[in-house]
Amino acid sequence: MEKIITTIPGCFELVPKVFKDSRGKLVKTFHEDTFKNLNLETNFPEEYYSTSGKNVIRGLHFQEPPYDHVKCVTCLTGKIFDVVVDLRKNSPTYKKHFSIILDSNLGNLLYIPRGMAHGFYVIGDGALFLNRTTTMYNGESEGGIKWDSCGIDWPNINPIVSDKDQQLIALENYKSPF
């Protein structure tokens, strides 16, 4: 697995080896020893997936302390425009964002440090998104930033967004605990 540095400190693209043959492909999205050798977290007590249709945005979500977490995400089917926004007050990239295409054909992942808002937009007809976190979900620590308040150049300016996500606070009004 290759670890590629992004413009956000502590955030990395991970590119695993993809094994293809006449039957299909095999992609190892997690290997404890490999993650240890790359100086990445290895304890992920919660993992889940979501399915989303064309033009859907999910996010920008996070967990506030003490339930903040590292995330490791990938797209198992389809392709997504994946985004993180740095909410760490002492970071040189505070309030800046990074985007990447996560493509199930490539098998690439995004490793997201604590203190990031995260979201994605579905490119194409649909996507199956996998998320691993180093803490378990806690409703009282749930947070979010409104998708269109961070200067992100989303692929679609009229996406499908949940009512809950439409009501999130704008980045400029968010008081970060990170």
Protein backbone atom coordinates (compact mmCIF):
# COMPACT_ATOMS: atom_id res chain seq x y z
CA MET A 1 0.00 0.00 0.00
CA GLU A 2 1.30 3.42 -0.94
CA LYS A 3 0.77 6.41 1.40
CA ILE A 4 0.47 9.71 -0.46
CA ILE A 5 0.71 13.02 1.42
CA THR A 6 -2.11 15.52 0.77
CA THR A 7 -2.27 19.27 1.34
CA ILE A 8 -3.87 18.72 4.79
CA PRO A 9 -1.40 17.62 7.52
CA GLY A 10 -2.15 14.08 8.70
CA CYS A 11 -4.54 13.35 5.82
CA PHE A 12 -3.31 10.74 3.35
CA GLU A 13 -4.45 9.00 0.21
CA LEU A 14 -3.81 5.28 0.51
CA VAL A 15 -3.39 3.31 -2.69
CA PRO A 16 -3.54 -0.45 -2.21
CA LYS A 17 -2.40 -3.07 -4.67
CA VAL A 18 -5.29 -4.20 -6.85
CA PHE A 19 -5.16 -7.83 -7.97
CA LYS A 20 -7.17 -8.44 -11.15
CA ASP A 21 -7.78 -11.54 -13.20
CA SER A 22 -10.55 -13.07 -15.30
CA ARG A 23 -12.74 -13.51 -12.20
CA GLY A 24 -12.61 -9.87 -11.11
CA LYS A 25 -10.43 -8.12 -8.58
CA LEU A 26 -9.23 -8.29 -4.99
CA VAL A 27 -8.43 -5.16 -2.97
CA LYS A 28 -7.16 -5.31 0.60
CA THR A 29 -8.50 -2.12 2.24
CA PHE A 30 -7.01 -2.80 5.67
CA HIS A 31 -4.00 -4.75 6.91
CA GLU A 32 -2.93 -4.05 10.50
CA ASP A 33 0.81 -4.55 9.97
CA THR A 34 0.79 -2.37 6.84
CA PHE A 35 -1.04 0.41 8.68
CA LYS A 36 1.42 0.16 11.59
CA ASN A 37 4.39 0.35 9.18
CA LEU A 38 2.85 3.48 7.64
CA ASN A 39 2.40 5.04 11.13
CA LEU A 40 -1.40 4.97 10.84
CA GLU A 41 -4.04 4.12 13.45
CA THR A 42 -5.04 0.47 13.49
CA ASN A 43 -7.89 0.33 16.02
CA PHE A 44 -11.20 0.80 14.19
CA PRO A 45 -14.04 -0.35 16.48
CA GLU A 46 -16.78 0.85 14.11
CA GLU A 47 -17.27 0.27 10.42
CA TYR A 48 -20.30 0.92 8.26
CA TYR A 49 -21.33 1.52 4.69
CA SER A 50 -23.88 3.69 2.95
CA THR A 51 -25.44 3.58 -0.48
CA SER A 52 -26.20 6.81 -2.28
CA GLY A 53 -27.69 7.68 -5.65
CA LYS A 54 -26.61 10.04 -8.37
CA ASN A 55 -26.00 13.70 -7.39
CA VAL A 56 -26.19 13.03 -3.62
CA ILE A 57 -24.03 14.93 -1.13
CA ARG A 58 -23.53 13.51 2.36
CA GLY A 59 -21.82 15.77 4.85
CA LEU A 60 -19.88 17.59 6.00
CA HIS A 61 -19.89 15.52 9.22
CA PHE A 62 -17.63 14.90 12.24
CA GLN A 63 -17.63 13.89 15.90
CA GLU A 64 -16.58 16.47 18.48
CA PRO A 65 -14.31 15.59 21.43
CA PRO A 66 -14.19 13.36 23.35
CA TYR A 67 -15.61 11.15 20.57
CA ASP A 68 -13.59 12.68 17.75
CA HIS A 69 -11.97 10.09 15.54
CA VAL A 70 -9.69 9.13 12.72
CA LYS A 71 -11.60 7.92 9.67
CA CYS A 72 -10.50 5.70 6.84
CA VAL A 73 -12.93 5.81 3.91
CA THR A 74 -13.24 4.29 0.46
CA CYS A 75 -15.72 3.80 -2.33
CA LEU A 76 -16.49 0.11 -2.92
CA THR A 77 -18.77 0.63 -5.92
CA GLY A 78 -18.87 3.68 -8.15
CA LYS A 79 -16.97 6.92 -7.75
CA ILE A 80 -17.21 9.83 -5.30
CA PHE A 81 -15.81 13.32 -4.96
CA ASP A 82 -14.58 13.11 -1.36
CA VAL A 83 -13.83 16.21 0.73
CA VAL A 84 -12.35 17.09 4.12
CA VAL A 85 -12.31 20.50 5.82
CA ASP A 86 -9.67 21.13 8.50
CA LEU A 87 -11.31 22.32 11.75
CA ARG A 88 -8.11 22.22 13.87
CA LYS A 89 -7.51 25.76 15.12
CA ASN A 90 -3.71 25.34 15.37
CA SER A 91 -3.33 23.73 11.95
CA PRO A 92 -1.63 25.62 9.10
CA THR A 93 -4.59 24.55 6.93
CA TYR A 94 -7.35 25.60 9.38
CA LYS A 95 -10.66 26.11 7.50
CA LYS A 96 -9.09 24.90 4.25
CA HIS A 97 -10.29 21.86 2.36
CA PHE A 98 -8.89 18.99 0.34
CA SER A 99 -10.78 16.96 -2.26
CA ILE A 100 -10.05 13.71 -4.03
CA ILE A 101 -11.85 11.27 -6.29
CA LEU A 102 -12.28 7.91 -4.60
CA ASP A 103 -12.83 5.37 -7.37
CA SER A 104 -13.82 1.75 -6.79
CA ASN A 105 -11.78 0.76 -9.87
CA LEU A 106 -8.62 2.17 -8.26
CA GLY A 107 -9.46 0.99 -4.73
CA ASN A 108 -7.95 4.17 -3.24
CA LEU A 109 -8.78 5.24 0.32
CA LEU A 110 -8.62 8.48 2.27
CA TYR A 111 -7.15 8.45 5.78
CA ILE A 112 -8.64 11.39 7.69
CA PRO A 113 -7.17 12.64 11.00
CA ARG A 114 -9.18 13.92 13.98
CA GLY A 115 -10.61 17.40 13.65
CA MET A 116 -11.84 17.15 10.08
CA ALA A 117 -15.31 17.65 8.64
CA HIS A 118 -15.92 15.03 5.96
CA GLY A 119 -18.38 14.63 3.12
CA PHE A 120 -18.77 13.34 -0.38
CA TYR A 121 -20.67 13.77 -3.63
CA VAL A 122 -21.69 10.80 -5.79
CA ILE A 123 -20.35 10.90 -9.33
CA GLY A 124 -22.26 8.67 -11.73
CA ASP A 125 -25.37 6.59 -11.03
CA GLY A 126 -24.60 5.55 -7.46
CA ALA A 127 -21.95 4.58 -4.93
CA LEU A 128 -21.31 2.19 -2.07
CA PHE A 129 -19.21 4.04 0.53
CA LEU A 130 -17.28 2.33 3.37
CA ASN A 131 -16.28 4.20 6.54
CA ARG A 132 -14.06 3.00 9.42
CA THR A 133 -13.66 5.07 12.59
CA THR A 134 -11.45 4.90 15.68
CA THR A 135 -14.38 5.75 17.99
CA MET A 136 -17.98 4.64 17.92
CA TYR A 137 -20.73 7.04 16.95
CA ASN A 138 -22.07 9.24 19.76
CA GLY A 139 -25.16 11.31 18.96
CA GLU A 140 -24.36 14.01 21.52
CA SER A 141 -20.96 14.60 19.86
CA GLU A 142 -22.31 14.67 16.32
CA GLY A 143 -21.38 17.80 14.40
CA GLY A 144 -21.48 19.15 10.91
CA ILE A 145 -20.73 22.07 8.62
CA LYS A 146 -23.05 23.11 5.79
CA TRP A 147 -21.79 21.68 2.50
CA ASP A 148 -21.88 24.97 0.57
CA SER A 149 -20.20 27.20 3.18
CA CYS A 150 -16.56 26.17 2.74
CA GLY A 151 -15.63 27.34 -0.76
CA ILE A 152 -15.61 23.80 -2.14
CA ASP A 153 -15.98 23.52 -5.92
CA TRP A 154 -18.55 20.68 -5.86
CA PRO A 155 -19.21 18.89 -9.18
CA ASN A 156 -22.89 19.92 -8.98
CA ILE A 157 -24.33 23.14 -7.54
CA ASN A 158 -27.83 21.61 -7.19
CA PRO A 159 -27.18 18.29 -5.44
CA ILE A 160 -29.56 16.13 -3.45
CA VAL A 161 -28.91 16.96 0.22
CA SER A 162 -30.84 15.75 3.28
CA ASP A 163 -32.91 18.25 5.27
CA LYS A 164 -30.65 17.57 8.24
CA ASP A 165 -27.50 18.43 6.27
CA GLN A 166 -29.16 21.56 4.81
CA GLN A 167 -29.65 22.83 8.39
CA LEU A 168 -25.98 22.50 9.43
CA ILE A 169 -24.06 25.58 10.57
CA ALA A 170 -21.93 27.57 8.13
CA LEU A 171 -18.16 27.21 8.52
CA GLU A 172 -17.77 30.93 9.35
CA ASN A 173 -20.14 30.53 12.35
CA TYR A 174 -18.69 27.30 13.72
CA LYS A 175 -16.67 27.53 16.97
CA SER A 176 -14.20 24.68 16.71
CA PRO A 177 -13.28 22.58 19.78
CA PHE A 178 -10.39 20.98 17.87
